[in-house]
C-alpha atoms as a PDB file:
ATOM      1  CA  UNK A   1    -185.979  25.577 -69.919  1.00  0.00           C
ATOM      2  CA  UNK A   2    -184.684  29.129 -69.819  1.00  0.00           C
ATOM      3  CA  UNK A   3    -183.936  29.133 -66.124  1.00  0.00           C
ATOM      4  CA  UNK A   4    -180.655  27.520 -65.054  1.00  0.00           C
ATOM      5  CA  UNK A   5    -182.433  25.310 -62.539  1.00  0.00           C
ATOM      6  CA  UNK A   6    -184.544  23.784 -65.344  1.00  0.00           C
ATOM      7  CA  UNK A   7    -181.538  22.523 -67.314  1.00  0.00           C
ATOM      8  CA  UNK A   8    -181.281  18.721 -67.516  1.00  0.00           C
ATOM      9  CA  UNK A   9    -177.493  19.109 -67.275  1.00  0.00           C
ATOM     10  CA  UNK A  10    -176.206  21.178 -64.337  1.00  0.00           C
ATOM     11  CA  UNK A  11    -173.109  22.225 -66.312  1.00  0.00           C
ATOM     12  CA  UNK A  12    -175.165  23.457 -69.279  1.00  0.00           C
ATOM     13  CA  UNK A  13    -176.974  26.757 -68.817  1.00  0.00           C
ATOM     14  CA  UNK A  14    -178.778  29.136 -71.170  1.00  0.00           C
ATOM     15  CA  UNK A  15    -176.750  32.060 -72.485  1.00  0.00           C
ATOM     16  CA  UNK A  16    -178.559  35.309 -71.819  1.00  0.00           C
ATOM     17  CA  UNK A  17    -178.740  38.142 -74.339  1.00  0.00           C
ATOM     18  CA  UNK A  18    -176.409  40.169 -72.122  1.00  0.00           C
ATOM     19  CA  UNK A  19    -173.760  37.442 -72.479  1.00  0.00           C
ATOM     20  CA  UNK A  20    -174.056  37.295 -76.265  1.00  0.00           C
ATOM     21  CA  UNK A  21    -170.876  38.574 -77.922  1.00  0.00           C
ATOM     22  CA  UNK A  22    -172.730  41.006 -80.190  1.00  0.00           C
ATOM     23  CA  UNK A  23    -175.602  41.866 -77.845  1.00  0.00           C
ATOM     24  CA  UNK A  24    -174.477  45.446 -77.343  1.00  0.00           C
ATOM     25  CA  UNK A  25    -174.457  46.021 -81.071  1.00  0.00           C
ATOM     26  CA  UNK A  26    -177.836  44.324 -81.481  1.00  0.00           C
ATOM     27  CA  UNK A  27    -176.421  42.082 -84.193  1.00  0.00           C
ATOM     28  CA  UNK A  28    -176.954  38.628 -82.706  1.00  0.00           C
ATOM     29  CA  UNK A  29    -178.219  36.789 -85.788  1.00  0.00           C
ATOM     30  CA  UNK A  30    -178.156  33.259 -84.431  1.00  0.00           C
ATOM     31  CA  UNK A  31    -181.058  31.069 -85.462  1.00  0.00           C
ATOM     32  CA  UNK A  32    -180.785  28.639 -82.526  1.00  0.00           C
ATOM     33  CA  UNK A  33    -180.778  29.118 -78.768  1.00  0.00           C
ATOM     34  CA  UNK A  34    -177.343  28.652 -77.214  1.00  0.00           C
ATOM     35  CA  UNK A  35    -176.420  26.861 -74.008  1.00  0.00           C
ATOM     36  CA  UNK A  36    -173.380  27.810 -71.956  1.00  0.00           C
ATOM     37  CA  UNK A  37    -170.988  24.983 -71.177  1.00  0.00           C
ATOM     38  CA  UNK A  38    -168.567  24.973 -68.263  1.00  0.00           C
ATOM     39  CA  UNK A  39    -165.261  25.238 -70.136  1.00  0.00           C
ATOM     40  CA  UNK A  40    -163.376  23.288 -67.496  1.00  0.00           C
ATOM     41  CA  UNK A  41    -165.609  20.271 -68.208  1.00  0.00           C
ATOM     42  CA  UNK A  42    -165.431  20.415 -71.994  1.00  0.00           C
ATOM     43  CA  UNK A  43    -162.880  19.750 -74.689  1.00  0.00           C
ATOM     44  CA  UNK A  44    -162.874  20.444 -78.412  1.00  0.00           C
ATOM     45  CA  UNK A  45    -160.497  18.959 -80.931  1.00  0.00           C
ATOM     46  CA  UNK A  46    -160.260  20.966 -84.155  1.00  0.00           C
ATOM     47  CA  UNK A  47    -158.457  20.082 -87.370  1.00  0.00           C
ATOM     48  CA  UNK A  48    -158.334  22.305 -90.471  1.00  0.00           C
ATOM     49  CA  UNK A  49    -160.002  20.678 -93.482  1.00  0.00           C
ATOM     50  CA  UNK A  50    -157.830  20.164 -96.563  1.00  0.00           C
ATOM     51  CA  UNK A  51    -155.206  22.736 -95.745  1.00  0.00           C
ATOM     52  CA  UNK A  52    -152.132  23.442 -93.702  1.00  0.00           C
ATOM     53  CA  UNK A  53    -152.278  23.296 -89.970  1.00  0.00           C
ATOM     54  CA  UNK A  54    -152.122  20.716 -87.274  1.00  0.00           C
ATOM     55  CA  UNK A  55    -154.965  19.612 -85.052  1.00  0.00           C
ATOM     56  CA  UNK A  56    -155.452  21.807 -82.011  1.00  0.00           C
ATOM     57  CA  UNK A  57    -157.535  21.571 -78.897  1.00  0.00           C
ATOM     58  CA  UNK A  58    -159.417  23.876 -76.606  1.00  0.00           C
ATOM     59  CA  UNK A  59    -162.701  24.302 -74.763  1.00  0.00           C
ATOM     60  CA  UNK A  60    -166.366  24.875 -75.573  1.00  0.00           C
ATOM     61  CA  UNK A  61    -167.974  27.994 -74.046  1.00  0.00           C
ATOM     62  CA  UNK A  62    -171.433  27.697 -75.557  1.00  0.00           C
ATOM     63  CA  UNK A  63    -173.134  25.497 -78.111  1.00  0.00           C
ATOM     64  CA  UNK A  64    -176.334  25.350 -80.156  1.00  0.00           C
ATOM     65  CA  UNK A  65    -177.572  23.314 -83.091  1.00  0.00           C
ATOM     66  CA  UNK A  66    -176.136  26.005 -85.350  1.00  0.00           C
ATOM     67  CA  UNK A  67    -172.637  26.353 -83.926  1.00  0.00           C
ATOM     68  CA  UNK A  68    -170.410  26.981 -80.942  1.00  0.00           C
ATOM     69  CA  UNK A  69    -168.119  29.490 -79.281  1.00  0.00           C
ATOM     70  CA  UNK A  70    -164.755  27.868 -78.692  1.00  0.00           C
ATOM     71  CA  UNK A  71    -161.425  28.718 -77.144  1.00  0.00           C
ATOM     72  CA  UNK A  72    -158.589  27.191 -79.155  1.00  0.00           C
ATOM     73  CA  UNK A  73    -154.928  26.858 -78.243  1.00  0.00           C
ATOM     74  CA  UNK A  74    -153.843  27.809 -81.771  1.00  0.00           C
ATOM     75  CA  UNK A  75    -154.965  30.749 -83.918  1.00  0.00           C
ATOM     76  CA  UNK A  76    -157.590  30.327 -86.640  1.00  0.00           C
ATOM     77  CA  UNK A  77    -158.921  32.772 -89.201  1.00  0.00           C
ATOM     78  CA  UNK A  78    -162.488  33.505 -90.311  1.00  0.00           C
ATOM     79  CA  UNK A  79    -163.525  31.272 -93.193  1.00  0.00           C
ATOM     80  CA  UNK A  80    -161.407  28.318 -92.059  1.00  0.00           C
ATOM     81  CA  UNK A  81    -163.222  24.976 -92.331  1.00  0.00           C
ATOM     82  CA  UNK A  82    -162.660  22.746 -89.300  1.00  0.00           C
ATOM     83  CA  UNK A  83    -163.380  19.145 -88.449  1.00  0.00           C
ATOM     84  CA  UNK A  84    -164.623  19.299 -84.856  1.00  0.00           C
ATOM     85  CA  UNK A  85    -164.985  16.769 -82.066  1.00  0.00           C
ATOM     86  CA  UNK A  86    -166.907  18.289 -79.144  1.00  0.00           C
ATOM     87  CA  UNK A  87    -166.440  16.446 -75.842  1.00  0.00           C
ATOM     88  CA  UNK A  88    -169.307  17.783 -73.729  1.00  0.00           C
ATOM     89  CA  UNK A  89    -170.196  17.037 -70.092  1.00  0.00           C
ATOM     90  CA  UNK A  90    -172.163  13.811 -69.674  1.00  0.00           C
ATOM     91  CA  UNK A  91    -171.546  12.719 -73.289  1.00  0.00           C
ATOM     92  CA  UNK A  92    -169.668   9.425 -73.574  1.00  0.00           C
ATOM     93  CA  UNK A  93    -168.578  10.054 -77.172  1.00  0.00           C
ATOM     94  CA  UNK A  94    -167.628  13.292 -78.905  1.00  0.00           C
ATOM     95  CA  UNK A  95    -170.165  15.046 -81.110  1.00  0.00           C
ATOM     96  CA  UNK A  96    -168.522  15.363 -84.515  1.00  0.00           C
ATOM     97  CA  UNK A  97    -169.255  18.125 -87.015  1.00  0.00           C
ATOM     98  CA  UNK A  98    -167.777  20.128 -89.858  1.00  0.00           C
ATOM     99  CA  UNK A  99    -167.779  23.838 -89.103  1.00  0.00           C
ATOM    100  CA  UNK A 100    -166.630  27.182 -90.481  1.00  0.00           C
ATOM    101  CA  UNK A 101    -164.955  29.863 -88.365  1.00  0.00           C
ATOM    102  CA  UNK A 102    -167.205  32.925 -88.541  1.00  0.00           C
ATOM    103  CA  UNK A 103    -165.512  35.159 -85.991  1.00  0.00           C
ATOM    104  CA  UNK A 104    -162.253  35.405 -84.081  1.00  0.00           C
ATOM    105  CA  UNK A 105    -162.369  37.528 -80.962  1.00  0.00           C
ATOM    106  CA  UNK A 106    -159.942  40.415 -80.540  1.00  0.00           C
ATOM    107  CA  UNK A 107    -156.590  39.720 -78.877  1.00  0.00           C
ATOM    108  CA  UNK A 108    -157.470  42.398 -76.285  1.00  0.00           C
ATOM    109  CA  UNK A 109    -160.422  40.231 -75.216  1.00  0.00           C
ATOM    110  CA  UNK A 110    -158.434  36.982 -75.311  1.00  0.00           C
ATOM    111  CA  UNK A 111    -154.735  37.693 -74.768  1.00  0.00           C
ATOM    112  CA  UNK A 112    -153.599  34.060 -74.416  1.00  0.00           C
ATOM    113  CA  UNK A 113    -155.908  31.565 -76.113  1.00  0.00           C
ATOM    114  CA  UNK A 114    -158.164  32.706 -78.918  1.00  0.00           C
ATOM    115  CA  UNK A 115    -161.934  32.420 -78.820  1.00  0.00           C
ATOM    116  CA  UNK A 116    -163.749  31.861 -82.066  1.00  0.00           C
ATOM    117  CA  UNK A 117    -167.311  31.482 -83.262  1.00  0.00           C
ATOM    118  CA  UNK A 118    -167.915  28.452 -85.465  1.00  0.00           C
ATOM    119  CA  UNK A 119    -171.008  27.730 -87.571  1.00  0.00           C
ATOM    120  CA  UNK A 120    -171.820  24.040 -88.011  1.00  0.00           C
ATOM    121  CA  UNK A 121    -172.133  23.165 -91.704  1.00  0.00           C
ATOM    122  CA  UNK A 122    -173.070  19.538 -91.106  1.00  0.00           C
ATOM    123  CA  UNK A 123    -172.777  16.804 -88.537  1.00  0.00           C
ATOM    124  CA  UNK A 124    -170.667  13.718 -89.169  1.00  0.00           C
ATOM    125  CA  UNK A 125    -173.827  11.620 -89.086  1.00  0.00           C
ATOM    126  CA  UNK A 126    -177.412  11.796 -87.864  1.00  0.00           C
ATOM    127  CA  UNK A 127    -176.526  10.362 -84.457  1.00  0.00           C
ATOM    128  CA  UNK A 128    -174.222  13.331 -83.745  1.00  0.00           C
ATOM    129  CA  UNK A 129    -177.035  15.813 -84.393  1.00  0.00           C
ATOM    130  CA  UNK A 130    -179.482  13.738 -82.350  1.00  0.00           C
ATOM    131  CA  UNK A 131    -177.078  13.558 -79.392  1.00  0.00           C
ATOM    132  CA  UNK A 132    -176.547  17.330 -79.514  1.00  0.00           C
ATOM    133  CA  UNK A 133    -180.325  17.881 -79.580  1.00  0.00           C
ATOM    134  CA  UNK A 134    -180.669  15.649 -76.517  1.00  0.00           C
ATOM    135  CA  UNK A 135    -177.749  17.374 -74.811  1.00  0.00           C
ATOM    136  CA  UNK A 136    -179.411  20.725 -75.316  1.00  0.00           C
ATOM    137  CA  UNK A 137    -182.424  19.366 -73.480  1.00  0.00           C
ATOM    138  CA  UNK A 138    -185.030  19.009 -76.195  1.00  0.00           C
ATOM    139  CA  UNK A 139    -185.926  22.711 -75.890  1.00  0.00           C
ATOM    140  CA  UNK A 140    -184.177  23.325 -79.198  1.00  0.00           C
ATOM    141  CA  UNK A 141    -187.001  21.812 -81.257  1.00  0.00           C
ATOM    142  CA  UNK A 142    -189.572  23.902 -79.417  1.00  0.00           C
ATOM    143  CA  UNK A 143    -187.641  27.197 -79.401  1.00  0.00           C
ATOM    144  CA  UNK A 144    -186.076  27.092 -82.866  1.00  0.00           C
ATOM    145  CA  UNK A 145    -189.352  26.619 -84.725  1.00  0.00           C
END
């Protein structure tokens, strides 16, 4: 499943090590393989948990069972807990999860909207995790072991 042509979803492609945000530093500590998502065909709704801030929206750039790289219309800070609804290509319903912002990319890299890395803490229910596993093409079980 590592070649783009093997993906069950044409808009979902593997993210290569060269595309990883921390690849140059050799500090990519992710425990799950990521899949790139065509941002123009995705939507994320994010709402801060138990604190100030209004819901915001944006796009998904890549996703794995462990988290996602998002572009949000409003700024967030590392450590912020977010309720997420990921609207991914070919999914009829959003995949819902609770996540924590782990990284916000530098304004020089993202001058308009802000990209952020989010670690999933838990899914809303088991069906959300199962749908994400299926979306990722089943390779997650095989590669993450």
